Amino acid sequence: MSWAMDELEARANAQLNSMYELNEKFAAISVRETSADDLVTVEVDGVGAMTGLWLAPGANEVGGQRLGELIVGTAALAAQRAFAKRALITEEFNESFAELLDSRPGSG
């Protein structure tokens, strides 16, 4: 009966490691986007939170409202790209995790 427990433990460890890897991949997401006029560059993490903001020389000359729009619009584009990366990682995880679940004894 020890082999059954060893098998159960191995599967549980493989599943847990897969979930840790998913978390690490999410944490590693970083997207940098630059506005079409090259005045604003924004960096966001995997949840779309801004982690960096760079303004090119002359960015202050477009006026406060326009600069704000550039920052928000550029950040939104970066967040969309981050979410797309997150979705791809999640899809890959779901496929590989389903294989882990299907590999259990007595399945298939």
PDB file of N, CA and C in Angstrom:
ATOM      1  N   MET A   1       0.818  -1.184   0.000  1.00  0.00           N
ATOM      2  CA  MET A   1       0.000   0.000   0.000  1.00  0.00           C
ATOM      3  C   MET A   1       0.867   1.256   0.000  1.00  0.00           C
ATOM      4  N   SER A   2       2.126   1.142   0.326  1.00  0.00           N
ATOM      5  CA  SER A   2       3.033   2.271   0.347  1.00  0.00           C
ATOM      6  C   SER A   2       3.166   2.887  -1.048  1.00  0.00           C
ATOM      7  N   TRP A   3       3.138   2.065  -2.091  1.00  0.00           N
ATOM      8  CA  TRP A   3       3.270   2.608  -3.443  1.00  0.00           C
ATOM      9  C   TRP A   3       2.103   3.535  -3.767  1.00  0.00           C
ATOM     10  N   ALA A   4       0.924   3.236  -3.251  1.00  0.00           N
ATOM     11  CA  ALA A   4      -0.244   4.082  -3.502  1.00  0.00           C
ATOM     12  C   ALA A   4      -0.048   5.454  -2.845  1.00  0.00           C
ATOM     13  N   MET A   5       0.469   5.466  -1.641  1.00  0.00           N
ATOM     14  CA  MET A   5       0.721   6.739  -0.961  1.00  0.00           C
ATOM     15  C   MET A   5       1.834   7.512  -1.656  1.00  0.00           C
ATOM     16  N   ASP A   6       2.868   6.793  -2.101  1.00  0.00           N
ATOM     17  CA  ASP A   6       3.950   7.444  -2.835  1.00  0.00           C
ATOM     18  C   ASP A   6       3.419   8.075  -4.119  1.00  0.00           C
ATOM     19  N   GLU A   7       2.546   7.352  -4.802  1.00  0.00           N
ATOM     20  CA  GLU A   7       1.948   7.860  -6.037  1.00  0.00           C
ATOM     21  C   GLU A   7       1.091   9.094  -5.753  1.00  0.00           C
ATOM     22  N   LEU A   8       0.288   9.029  -4.716  1.00  0.00           N
ATOM     23  CA  LEU A   8      -0.554  10.149  -4.332  1.00  0.00           C
ATOM     24  C   LEU A   8       0.291  11.373  -3.986  1.00  0.00           C
ATOM     25  N   GLU A   9       1.344  11.158  -3.225  1.00  0.00           N
ATOM     26  CA  GLU A   9       2.229  12.258  -2.848  1.00  0.00           C
ATOM     27  C   GLU A   9       2.923  12.856  -4.069  1.00  0.00           C
ATOM     28  N   ALA A  10       3.368  12.018  -4.983  1.00  0.00           N
ATOM     29  CA  ALA A  10       4.044  12.503  -6.190  1.00  0.00           C
ATOM     30  C   ALA A  10       3.096  13.344  -7.045  1.00  0.00           C
ATOM     31  N   ARG A  11       1.859  12.874  -7.205  1.00  0.00           N
ATOM     32  CA  ARG A  11       0.879  13.630  -7.988  1.00  0.00           C
ATOM     33  C   ARG A  11       0.565  14.964  -7.318  1.00  0.00           C
ATOM     34  N   ALA A  12       0.387  14.941  -6.000  1.00  0.00           N
ATOM     35  CA  ALA A  12       0.081  16.174  -5.272  1.00  0.00           C
ATOM     36  C   ALA A  12       1.233  17.165  -5.397  1.00  0.00           C
ATOM     37  N   ASN A  13       2.463  16.686  -5.294  1.00  0.00           N
ATOM     38  CA  ASN A  13       3.629  17.565  -5.445  1.00  0.00           C
ATOM     39  C   ASN A  13       3.714  18.137  -6.855  1.00  0.00           C
ATOM     40  N   ALA A  14       3.435  17.330  -7.851  1.00  0.00           N
ATOM     41  CA  ALA A  14       3.466  17.804  -9.230  1.00  0.00           C
ATOM     42  C   ALA A  14       2.413  18.886  -9.454  1.00  0.00           C
ATOM     43  N   GLN A  15       1.233  18.690  -8.898  1.00  0.00           N
ATOM     44  CA  GLN A  15       0.165  19.680  -9.034  1.00  0.00           C
ATOM     45  C   GLN A  15       0.518  20.966  -8.286  1.00  0.00           C
ATOM     46  N   LEU A  16       1.051  20.827  -7.099  1.00  0.00           N
ATOM     47  CA  LEU A  16       1.444  21.994  -6.321  1.00  0.00           C
ATOM     48  C   LEU A  16       2.558  22.764  -7.025  1.00  0.00           C
ATOM     49  N   ASN A  17       3.537  22.059  -7.549  1.00  0.00           N
ATOM     50  CA  ASN A  17       4.623  22.717  -8.281  1.00  0.00           C
ATOM     51  C   ASN A  17       4.090  23.445  -9.509  1.00  0.00           C
ATOM     52  N   SER A  18       3.115  22.852 -10.166  1.00  0.00           N
ATOM     53  CA  SER A  18       2.507  23.488 -11.328  1.00  0.00           C
ATOM     54  C   SER A  18       1.832  24.799 -10.932  1.00  0.00           C
ATOM     55  N   MET A  19       1.184  24.812  -9.785  1.00  0.00           N
ATOM     56  CA  MET A  19       0.527  26.029  -9.315  1.00  0.00           C
ATOM     57  C   MET A  19       1.551  27.090  -8.904  1.00  0.00           C
ATOM     58  N   TYR A  20       2.662  26.669  -8.298  1.00  0.00           N
ATOM     59  CA  TYR A  20       3.739  27.613  -7.967  1.00  0.00           C
ATOM     60  C   TYR A  20       4.312  28.242  -9.237  1.00  0.00           C
ATOM     61  N   GLU A  21       4.507  27.421 -10.259  1.00  0.00           N
ATOM     62  CA  GLU A  21       5.034  27.928 -11.524  1.00  0.00           C
ATOM     63  C   GLU A  21       4.073  28.939 -12.143  1.00  0.00           C
ATOM     64  N   LEU A  22       2.772  28.660 -12.046  1.00  0.00           N
ATOM     65  CA  LEU A  22       1.775  29.592 -12.557  1.00  0.00           C
ATOM     66  C   LEU A  22       1.913  30.944 -11.853  1.00  0.00           C
ATOM     67  N   ASN A  23       2.023  30.911 -10.550  1.00  0.00           N
ATOM     68  CA  ASN A  23       2.164  32.140  -9.779  1.00  0.00           C
ATOM     69  C   ASN A  23       3.434  32.894 -10.172  1.00  0.00           C
ATOM     70  N   GLU A  24       4.525  32.183 -10.376  1.00  0.00           N
ATOM     71  CA  GLU A  24       5.785  32.816 -10.776  1.00  0.00           C
ATOM     72  C   GLU A  24       5.664  33.458 -12.157  1.00  0.00           C
ATOM     73  N   LYS A  25       4.971  32.787 -13.065  1.00  0.00           N
ATOM     74  CA  LYS A  25       4.780  33.350 -14.405  1.00  0.00           C
ATOM     75  C   LYS A  25       3.924  34.611 -14.346  1.00  0.00           C
ATOM     76  N   PHE A  26       2.875  34.592 -13.526  1.00  0.00           N
ATOM     77  CA  PHE A  26       2.057  35.787 -13.357  1.00  0.00           C
ATOM     78  C   PHE A  26       2.898  36.936 -12.799  1.00  0.00           C
ATOM     79  N   ALA A  27       3.702  36.637 -11.791  1.00  0.00           N
ATOM     80  CA  ALA A  27       4.513  37.664 -11.144  1.00  0.00           C
ATOM     81  C   ALA A  27       5.558  38.248 -12.094  1.00  0.00           C
ATOM     82  N   ALA A  28       5.966  37.473 -13.085  1.00  0.00           N
ATOM     83  CA  ALA A  28       7.007  37.915 -14.016  1.00  0.00           C
ATOM     84  C   ALA A  28       6.461  38.767 -15.161  1.00  0.00           C
ATOM     85  N   ILE A  29       5.152  38.864 -15.287  1.00  0.00           N
ATOM     86  CA  ILE A  29       4.583  39.647 -16.386  1.00  0.00           C
ATOM     87  C   ILE A  29       4.913  41.125 -16.183  1.00  0.00           C
ATOM     88  N   SER A  30       5.446  41.716 -17.221  1.00  0.00           N
ATOM     89  CA  SER A  30       5.739  43.139 -17.245  1.00  0.00           C
ATOM     90  C   SER A  30       5.597  43.601 -18.687  1.00  0.00           C
ATOM     91  N   VAL A  31       4.774  44.606 -18.890  1.00  0.00           N
ATOM     92  CA  VAL A  31       4.530  45.106 -20.246  1.00  0.00           C
ATOM     93  C   VAL A  31       4.814  46.592 -20.278  1.00  0.00           C
ATOM     94  N   ARG A  32       5.557  47.007 -21.277  1.00  0.00           N
ATOM     95  CA  ARG A  32       5.880  48.422 -21.462  1.00  0.00           C
ATOM     96  C   ARG A  32       5.273  48.871 -22.787  1.00  0.00           C
ATOM     97  N   GLU A  33       4.540  49.959 -22.734  1.00  0.00           N
ATOM     98  CA  GLU A  33       3.862  50.505 -23.911  1.00  0.00           C
ATOM     99  C   GLU A  33       4.221  51.980 -24.032  1.00  0.00           C
ATOM    100  N   THR A  34       4.422  52.430 -25.270  1.00  0.00           N
ATOM    101  CA  THR A  34       4.735  53.828 -25.530  1.00  0.00           C
ATOM    102  C   THR A  34       3.641  54.432 -26.397  1.00  0.00           C
ATOM    103  N   SER A  35       3.257  55.652 -26.092  1.00  0.00           N
ATOM    104  CA  SER A  35       2.222  56.337 -26.868  1.00  0.00           C
ATOM    105  C   SER A  35       2.696  56.535 -28.306  1.00  0.00           C
ATOM    106  N   ALA A  36       1.741  56.713 -29.210  1.00  0.00           N
ATOM    107  CA  ALA A  36       2.062  56.857 -30.636  1.00  0.00           C
ATOM    108  C   ALA A  36       2.983  58.040 -30.903  1.00  0.00           C
ATOM    109  N   ASP A  37       2.887  59.080 -30.090  1.00  0.00           N
ATOM    110  CA  ASP A  37       3.730  60.255 -30.289  1.00  0.00           C
ATOM    111  C   ASP A  37       5.047  60.181 -29.522  1.00  0.00           C
ATOM    112  N   ASP A  38       5.295  59.042 -28.875  1.00  0.00           N
ATOM    113  CA  ASP A  38       6.533  58.788 -28.122  1.00  0.00           C
ATOM    114  C   ASP A  38       6.725  59.704 -26.915  1.00  0.00           C
ATOM    115  N   LEU A  39       5.670  60.340 -26.455  1.00  0.00           N
ATOM    116  CA  LEU A  39       5.805  61.242 -25.314  1.00  0.00           C
ATOM    117  C   LEU A  39       5.677  60.524 -23.967  1.00  0.00           C
ATOM    118  N   VAL A  40       4.927  59.431 -23.950  1.00  0.00           N
ATOM    119  CA  VAL A  40       4.628  58.737 -22.703  1.00  0.00           C
ATOM    120  C   VAL A  40       4.956  57.256 -22.853  1.00  0.00           C
ATOM    121  N   THR A  41       5.641  56.716 -21.871  1.00  0.00           N
ATOM    122  CA  THR A  41       5.873  55.280 -21.791  1.00  0.00           C
ATOM    123  C   THR A  41       5.395  54.815 -20.421  1.00  0.00           C
ATOM    124  N   VAL A  42       4.612  53.750 -20.424  1.00  0.00           N
ATOM    125  CA  VAL A  42       4.051  53.204 -19.197  1.00  0.00           C
ATOM    126  C   VAL A  42       4.416  51.734 -19.111  1.00  0.00           C
ATOM    127  N   GLU A  43       4.727  51.290 -17.919  1.00  0.00           N
ATOM    128  CA  GLU A  43       4.986  49.882 -17.657  1.00  0.00           C
ATOM    129  C   GLU A  43       3.971  49.401 -16.627  1.00  0.00           C
ATOM    130  N   VAL A  44       3.398  48.208 -16.875  1.00  0.00           N
ATOM    131  CA  VAL A  44       2.429  47.625 -15.942  1.00  0.00           C
ATOM    132  C   VAL A  44       2.839  46.195 -15.621  1.00  0.00           C
ATOM    133  N   ASP A  45       2.306  45.704 -14.490  1.00  0.00           N
ATOM    134  CA  ASP A  45       2.559  44.318 -14.107  1.00  0.00           C
ATOM    135  C   ASP A  45       1.415  43.428 -14.594  1.00  0.00           C
ATOM    136  N   GLY A  46       1.390  42.197 -14.139  1.00  0.00           N
ATOM    137  CA  GLY A  46       0.417  41.213 -14.613  1.00  0.00           C
ATOM    138  C   GLY A  46      -1.018  41.478 -14.225  1.00  0.00           C
ATOM    139  N   VAL A  47      -1.247  42.361 -13.275  1.00  0.00           N
ATOM    140  CA  VAL A  47      -2.614  42.718 -12.909  1.00  0.00           C
ATOM    141  C   VAL A  47      -2.978  44.106 -13.427  1.00  0.00           C
ATOM    142  N   GLY A  48      -2.124  44.669 -14.264  1.00  0.00           N
ATOM    143  CA  GLY A  48      -2.391  45.953 -14.879  1.00  0.00           C
ATOM    144  C   GLY A  48      -2.017  47.150 -14.038  1.00  0.00           C
ATOM    145  N   ALA A  49      -1.365  46.930 -12.920  1.00  0.00           N
ATOM    146  CA  ALA A  49      -0.948  48.044 -12.069  1.00  0.00           C
ATOM    147  C   ALA A  49       0.290  48.717 -12.664  1.00  0.00           C
ATOM    148  N   MET A  50       0.280  50.026 -12.679  1.00  0.00           N
ATOM    149  CA  MET A  50       1.401  50.761 -13.235  1.00  0.00           C
ATOM    150  C   MET A  50       2.630  50.604 -12.340  1.00  0.00           C
ATOM    151  N   THR A  51       3.730  50.206 -12.961  1.00  0.00           N
ATOM    152  CA  THR A  51       4.982  50.039 -12.229  1.00  0.00           C
ATOM    153  C   THR A  51       6.052  51.015 -12.704  1.00  0.00           C
ATOM    154  N   GLY A  52       5.760  51.720 -13.789  1.00  0.00           N
ATOM    155  CA  GLY A  52       6.722  52.692 -14.300  1.00  0.00           C
ATOM    156  C   GLY A  52       6.048  53.694 -15.207  1.00  0.00           C
ATOM    157  N   LEU A  53       6.550  54.905 -15.187  1.00  0.00           N
ATOM    158  CA  LEU A  53       6.029  55.971 -16.042  1.00  0.00           C
ATOM    159  C   LEU A  53       7.198  56.851 -16.459  1.00  0.00           C
ATOM    160  N   TRP A  54       7.342  57.031 -17.765  1.00  0.00           N
ATOM    161  CA  TRP A  54       8.405  57.870 -18.300  1.00  0.00           C
ATOM    162  C   TRP A  54       7.785  58.895 -19.237  1.00  0.00           C
ATOM    163  N   LEU A  55       8.199  60.129 -19.070  1.00  0.00           N
ATOM    164  CA  LEU A  55       7.725  61.210 -19.932  1.00  0.00           C
ATOM    165  C   LEU A  55       8.903  61.740 -20.737  1.00  0.00           C
ATOM    166  N   ALA A  56       8.706  61.848 -22.034  1.00  0.00           N
ATOM    167  CA  ALA A  56       9.756  62.350 -22.909  1.00  0.00           C
ATOM    168  C   ALA A  56       9.862  63.864 -22.759  1.00  0.00           C
ATOM    169  N   PRO A  57      11.020  64.414 -23.102  1.00  0.00           N
ATOM    170  CA  PRO A  57      11.143  65.877 -23.088  1.00  0.00           C
ATOM    171  C   PRO A  57      10.034  66.483 -23.964  1.00  0.00           C
ATOM    172  N   GLY A  58       9.402  67.490 -23.452  1.00  0.00           N
ATOM    173  CA  GLY A  58       8.324  68.142 -24.197  1.00  0.00           C
ATOM    174  C   GLY A  58       6.940  67.608 -23.869  1.00  0.00           C
ATOM    175  N   ALA A  59       6.851  66.556 -23.069  1.00  0.00           N
ATOM    176  CA  ALA A  59       5.544  65.987 -22.735  1.00  0.00           C
ATOM    177  C   ALA A  59       4.678  66.998 -21.998  1.00  0.00           C
ATOM    178  N   ASN A  60       5.302  67.843 -21.214  1.00  0.00           N
ATOM    179  CA  ASN A  60       4.535  68.835 -20.455  1.00  0.00           C
ATOM    180  C   ASN A  60       3.964  69.937 -21.338  1.00  0.00           C
ATOM    181  N   GLU A  61       4.421  70.020 -22.560  1.00  0.00           N
ATOM    182  CA  GLU A  61       3.963  71.070 -23.478  1.00  0.00           C
ATOM    183  C   GLU A  61       2.616  70.763 -24.114  1.00  0.00           C
ATOM    184  N   VAL A  62       2.105  69.549 -23.968  1.00  0.00           N
ATOM    185  CA  VAL A  62       0.812  69.197 -24.578  1.00  0.00           C
ATOM    186  C   VAL A  62      -0.354  69.604 -23.686  1.00  0.00           C
ATOM    187  N   GLY A  63      -0.077  70.049 -22.500  1.00  0.00           N
ATOM    188  CA  GLY A  63      -1.132  70.456 -21.576  1.00  0.00           C
ATOM    189  C   GLY A  63      -1.512  69.325 -20.641  1.00  0.00           C
ATOM    190  N   GLY A  64      -2.011  69.703 -19.489  1.00  0.00           N
ATOM    191  CA  GLY A  64      -2.320  68.730 -18.450  1.00  0.00           C
ATOM    192  C   GLY A  64      -3.378  67.715 -18.855  1.00  0.00           C
ATOM    193  N   GLN A  65      -4.462  68.176 -19.471  1.00  0.00           N
ATOM    194  CA  GLN A  65      -5.538  67.249 -19.847  1.00  0.00           C
ATOM    195  C   GLN A  65      -5.048  66.253 -20.893  1.00  0.00           C
ATOM    196  N   ARG A  66      -4.375  66.744 -21.907  1.00  0.00           N
ATOM    197  CA  ARG A  66      -3.878  65.857 -22.972  1.00  0.00           C
ATOM    198  C   ARG A  66      -2.833  64.891 -22.414  1.00  0.00           C
ATOM    199  N   LEU A  67      -1.959  65.363 -21.557  1.00  0.00           N
ATOM    200  CA  LEU A  67      -0.953  64.490 -20.957  1.00  0.00           C
ATOM    201  C   LEU A  67      -1.625  63.402 -20.129  1.00  0.00           C
ATOM    202  N   GLY A  68      -2.630  63.783 -19.362  1.00  0.00           N
ATOM    203  CA  GLY A  68      -3.381  62.794 -18.582  1.00  0.00           C
ATOM    204  C   GLY A  68      -4.025  61.747 -19.473  1.00  0.00           C
ATOM    205  N   GLU A  69      -4.604  62.190 -20.580  1.00  0.00           N
ATOM    206  CA  GLU A  69      -5.225  61.250 -21.527  1.00  0.00           C
ATOM    207  C   GLU A  69      -4.188  60.310 -22.122  1.00  0.00           C
ATOM    208  N   LEU A  70      -3.022  60.849 -22.440  1.00  0.00           N
ATOM    209  CA  LEU A  70      -1.945  60.014 -22.988  1.00  0.00           C
ATOM    210  C   LEU A  70      -1.500  58.961 -21.977  1.00  0.00           C
ATOM    211  N   ILE A  71      -1.358  59.372 -20.736  1.00  0.00           N
ATOM    212  CA  ILE A  71      -0.919  58.436 -19.696  1.00  0.00           C
ATOM    213  C   ILE A  71      -1.952  57.344 -19.503  1.00  0.00           C
ATOM    214  N   VAL A  72      -3.220  57.729 -19.349  1.00  0.00           N
ATOM    215  CA  VAL A  72      -4.285  56.747 -19.118  1.00  0.00           C
ATOM    216  C   VAL A  72      -4.448  55.826 -20.323  1.00  0.00           C
ATOM    217  N   GLY A  73      -4.449  56.391 -21.519  1.00  0.00           N
ATOM    218  CA  GLY A  73      -4.605  55.573 -22.723  1.00  0.00           C
ATOM    219  C   GLY A  73      -3.455  54.603 -22.925  1.00  0.00           C
ATOM    220  N   THR A  74      -2.256  55.077 -22.682  1.00  0.00           N
ATOM    221  CA  THR A  74      -1.082  54.212 -22.831  1.00  0.00           C
ATOM    222  C   THR A  74      -1.074  53.119 -21.770  1.00  0.00           C
ATOM    223  N   ALA A  75      -1.456  53.486 -20.558  1.00  0.00           N
ATOM    224  CA  ALA A  75      -1.542  52.491 -19.482  1.00  0.00           C
ATOM    225  C   ALA A  75      -2.604  51.448 -19.797  1.00  0.00           C
ATOM    226  N   ALA A  76      -3.714  51.874 -20.371  1.00  0.00           N
ATOM    227  CA  ALA A  76      -4.782  50.928 -20.727  1.00  0.00           C
ATOM    228  C   ALA A  76      -4.303  49.939 -21.786  1.00  0.00           C
ATOM    229  N   LEU A  77      -3.565  50.417 -22.766  1.00  0.00           N
ATOM    230  CA  LEU A  77      -3.026  49.515 -23.794  1.00  0.00           C
ATOM    231  C   LEU A  77      -2.039  48.520 -23.186  1.00  0.00           C
ATOM    232  N   ALA A  78      -1.196  49.015 -22.306  1.00  0.00           N
ATOM    233  CA  ALA A  78      -0.232  48.121 -21.643  1.00  0.00           C
ATOM    234  C   ALA A  78      -0.969  47.077 -20.812  1.00  0.00           C
ATOM    235  N   ALA A  79      -2.009  47.496 -20.108  1.00  0.00           N
ATOM    236  CA  ALA A  79      -2.784  46.561 -19.286  1.00  0.00           C
ATOM    237  C   ALA A  79      -3.460  45.511 -20.157  1.00  0.00           C
ATOM    238  N   GLN A  80      -3.990  45.914 -21.284  1.00  0.00           N
ATOM    239  CA  GLN A  80      -4.611  44.946 -22.198  1.00  0.00           C
ATOM    240  C   GLN A  80      -3.607  43.897 -22.647  1.00  0.00           C
ATOM    241  N   ARG A  81      -2.400  44.318 -22.967  1.00  0.00           N
ATOM    242  CA  ARG A  81      -1.361  43.375 -23.371  1.00  0.00           C
ATOM    243  C   ARG A  81      -0.972  42.468 -22.214  1.00  0.00           C
ATOM    244  N   ALA A  82      -0.910  43.024 -21.001  1.00  0.00           N
ATOM    245  CA  ALA A  82      -0.590  42.214 -19.816  1.00  0.00           C
ATOM    246  C   ALA A  82      -1.682  41.172 -19.584  1.00  0.00           C
ATOM    247  N   PHE A  83      -2.942  41.579 -19.734  1.00  0.00           N
ATOM    248  CA  PHE A  83      -4.051  40.645 -19.536  1.00  0.00           C
ATOM    249  C   PHE A  83      -4.049  39.556 -20.605  1.00  0.00           C
ATOM    250  N   ALA A  84      -3.652  39.906 -21.818  1.00  0.00           N
ATOM    251  CA  ALA A  84      -3.557  38.899 -22.882  1.00  0.00           C
ATOM    252  C   ALA A  84      -2.471  37.876 -22.545  1.00  0.00           C
ATOM    253  N   LYS A  85      -1.350  38.347 -22.024  1.00  0.00           N
ATOM    254  CA  LYS A  85      -0.286  37.424 -21.597  1.00  0.00           C
ATOM    255  C   LYS A  85      -0.783  36.532 -20.469  1.00  0.00           C
ATOM    256  N   ARG A  86      -1.496  37.136 -19.530  1.00  0.00           N
ATOM    257  CA  ARG A  86      -2.033  36.383 -18.393  1.00  0.00           C
ATOM    258  C   ARG A  86      -3.019  35.312 -18.881  1.00  0.00           C
ATOM    259  N   ALA A  87      -3.847  35.668 -19.848  1.00  0.00           N
ATOM    260  CA  ALA A  87      -4.818  34.716 -20.390  1.00  0.00           C
ATOM    261  C   ALA A  87      -4.113  33.547 -21.073  1.00  0.00           C
ATOM    262  N   LEU A  88      -3.062  33.832 -21.827  1.00  0.00           N
ATOM    263  CA  LEU A  88      -2.307  32.767 -22.493  1.00  0.00           C
ATOM    264  C   LEU A  88      -1.653  31.848 -21.473  1.00  0.00           C
ATOM    265  N   ILE A  89      -1.059  32.418 -20.444  1.00  0.00           N
ATOM    266  CA  ILE A  89      -0.431  31.621 -19.386  1.00  0.00           C
ATOM    267  C   ILE A  89      -1.483  30.752 -18.692  1.00  0.00           C
ATOM    268  N   THR A  90      -2.651  31.329 -18.439  1.00  0.00           N
ATOM    269  CA  THR A  90      -3.725  30.584 -17.785  1.00  0.00           C
ATOM    270  C   THR A  90      -4.205  29.436 -18.661  1.00  0.00           C
ATOM    271  N   GLU A  91      -4.338  29.691 -19.949  1.00  0.00           N
ATOM    272  CA  GLU A  91      -4.770  28.642 -20.882  1.00  0.00           C
ATOM    273  C   GLU A  91      -3.754  27.495 -20.913  1.00  0.00           C
ATOM    274  N   GLU A  92      -2.480  27.836 -20.978  1.00  0.00           N
ATOM    275  CA  GLU A  92      -1.436  26.807 -20.973  1.00  0.00           C
ATOM    276  C   GLU A  92      -1.451  26.024 -19.663  1.00  0.00           C
ATOM    277  N   PHE A  93      -1.644  26.738 -18.553  1.00  0.00           N
ATOM    278  CA  PHE A  93      -1.719  26.077 -17.252  1.00  0.00           C
ATOM    279  C   PHE A  93      -2.901  25.112 -17.213  1.00  0.00           C
ATOM    280  N   ASN A  94      -4.057  25.566 -17.657  1.00  0.00           N
ATOM    281  CA  ASN A  94      -5.248  24.711 -17.619  1.00  0.00           C
ATOM    282  C   ASN A  94      -5.049  23.431 -18.418  1.00  0.00           C
ATOM    283  N   GLU A  95      -4.405  23.542 -19.568  1.00  0.00           N
ATOM    284  CA  GLU A  95      -4.146  22.361 -20.391  1.00  0.00           C
ATOM    285  C   GLU A  95      -3.181  21.405 -19.688  1.00  0.00           C
ATOM    286  N   SER A  96      -2.091  21.940 -19.152  1.00  0.00           N
ATOM    287  CA  SER A  96      -1.099  21.065 -18.516  1.00  0.00           C
ATOM    288  C   SER A  96      -1.632  20.504 -17.198  1.00  0.00           C
ATOM    289  N   PHE A  97      -2.422  21.297 -16.478  1.00  0.00           N
ATOM    290  CA  PHE A  97      -2.971  20.809 -15.216  1.00  0.00           C
ATOM    291  C   PHE A  97      -4.004  19.719 -15.477  1.00  0.00           C
ATOM    292  N   ALA A  98      -4.775  19.867 -16.541  1.00  0.00           N
ATOM    293  CA  ALA A  98      -5.740  18.826 -16.901  1.00  0.00           C
ATOM    294  C   ALA A  98      -5.016  17.518 -17.211  1.00  0.00           C
ATOM    295  N   GLU A  99      -3.858  17.617 -17.854  1.00  0.00           N
ATOM    296  CA  GLU A  99      -3.059  16.416 -18.129  1.00  0.00           C
ATOM    297  C   GLU A  99      -2.584  15.781 -16.824  1.00  0.00           C
ATOM    298  N   LEU A 100      -2.188  16.616 -15.860  1.00  0.00           N
ATOM    299  CA  LEU A 100      -1.772  16.083 -14.549  1.00  0.00           C
ATOM    300  C   LEU A 100      -2.932  15.345 -13.879  1.00  0.00           C
ATOM    301  N   LEU A 101      -4.111  15.915 -13.964  1.00  0.00           N
ATOM    302  CA  LEU A 101      -5.274  15.281 -13.354  1.00  0.00           C
ATOM    303  C   LEU A 101      -5.641  13.993 -14.081  1.00  0.00           C
ATOM    304  N   ASP A 102      -5.515  13.997 -15.403  1.00  0.00           N
ATOM    305  CA  ASP A 102      -5.849  12.813 -16.198  1.00  0.00           C
ATOM    306  C   ASP A 102      -4.835  11.698 -16.012  1.00  0.00           C
ATOM    307  N   SER A 103      -3.651  12.019 -15.511  1.00  0.00           N
ATOM    308  CA  SER A 103      -2.592  11.006 -15.373  1.00  0.00           C
ATOM    309  C   SER A 103      -2.760  10.165 -14.118  1.00  0.00           C
ATOM    310  N   ARG A 104      -3.772  10.457 -13.335  1.00  0.00           N
ATOM    311  CA  ARG A 104      -3.953   9.698 -12.084  1.00  0.00           C
ATOM    312  C   ARG A 104      -4.356   8.257 -12.409  1.00  0.00           C
ATOM    313  N   PRO A 105      -3.969   7.338 -11.554  1.00  0.00           N
ATOM    314  CA  PRO A 105      -4.306   5.927 -11.783  1.00  0.00           C
ATOM    315  C   PRO A 105      -5.818   5.745 -11.860  1.00  0.00           C
ATOM    316  N   GLY A 106      -6.228   4.917 -12.778  1.00  0.00           N
ATOM    317  CA  GLY A 106      -7.649   4.625 -12.925  1.00  0.00           C
ATOM    318  C   GLY A 106      -8.374   5.588 -13.827  1.00  0.00           C
ATOM    319  N   SER A 107      -7.686   6.609 -14.349  1.00  0.00           N
ATOM    320  CA  SER A 107      -8.362   7.520 -15.263  1.00  0.00           C
ATOM    321  C   SER A 107      -8.050   7.099 -16.682  1.00  0.00           C
ATOM    322  N   GLY A 108      -8.885   7.602 -17.585  1.00  0.00           N
ATOM    323  CA  GLY A 108      -8.650   7.378 -18.996  1.00  0.00           C
ATOM    324  C   GLY A 108      -9.119   6.082 -19.428  1.00  0.00           C
TER     325      GLY A 108
END
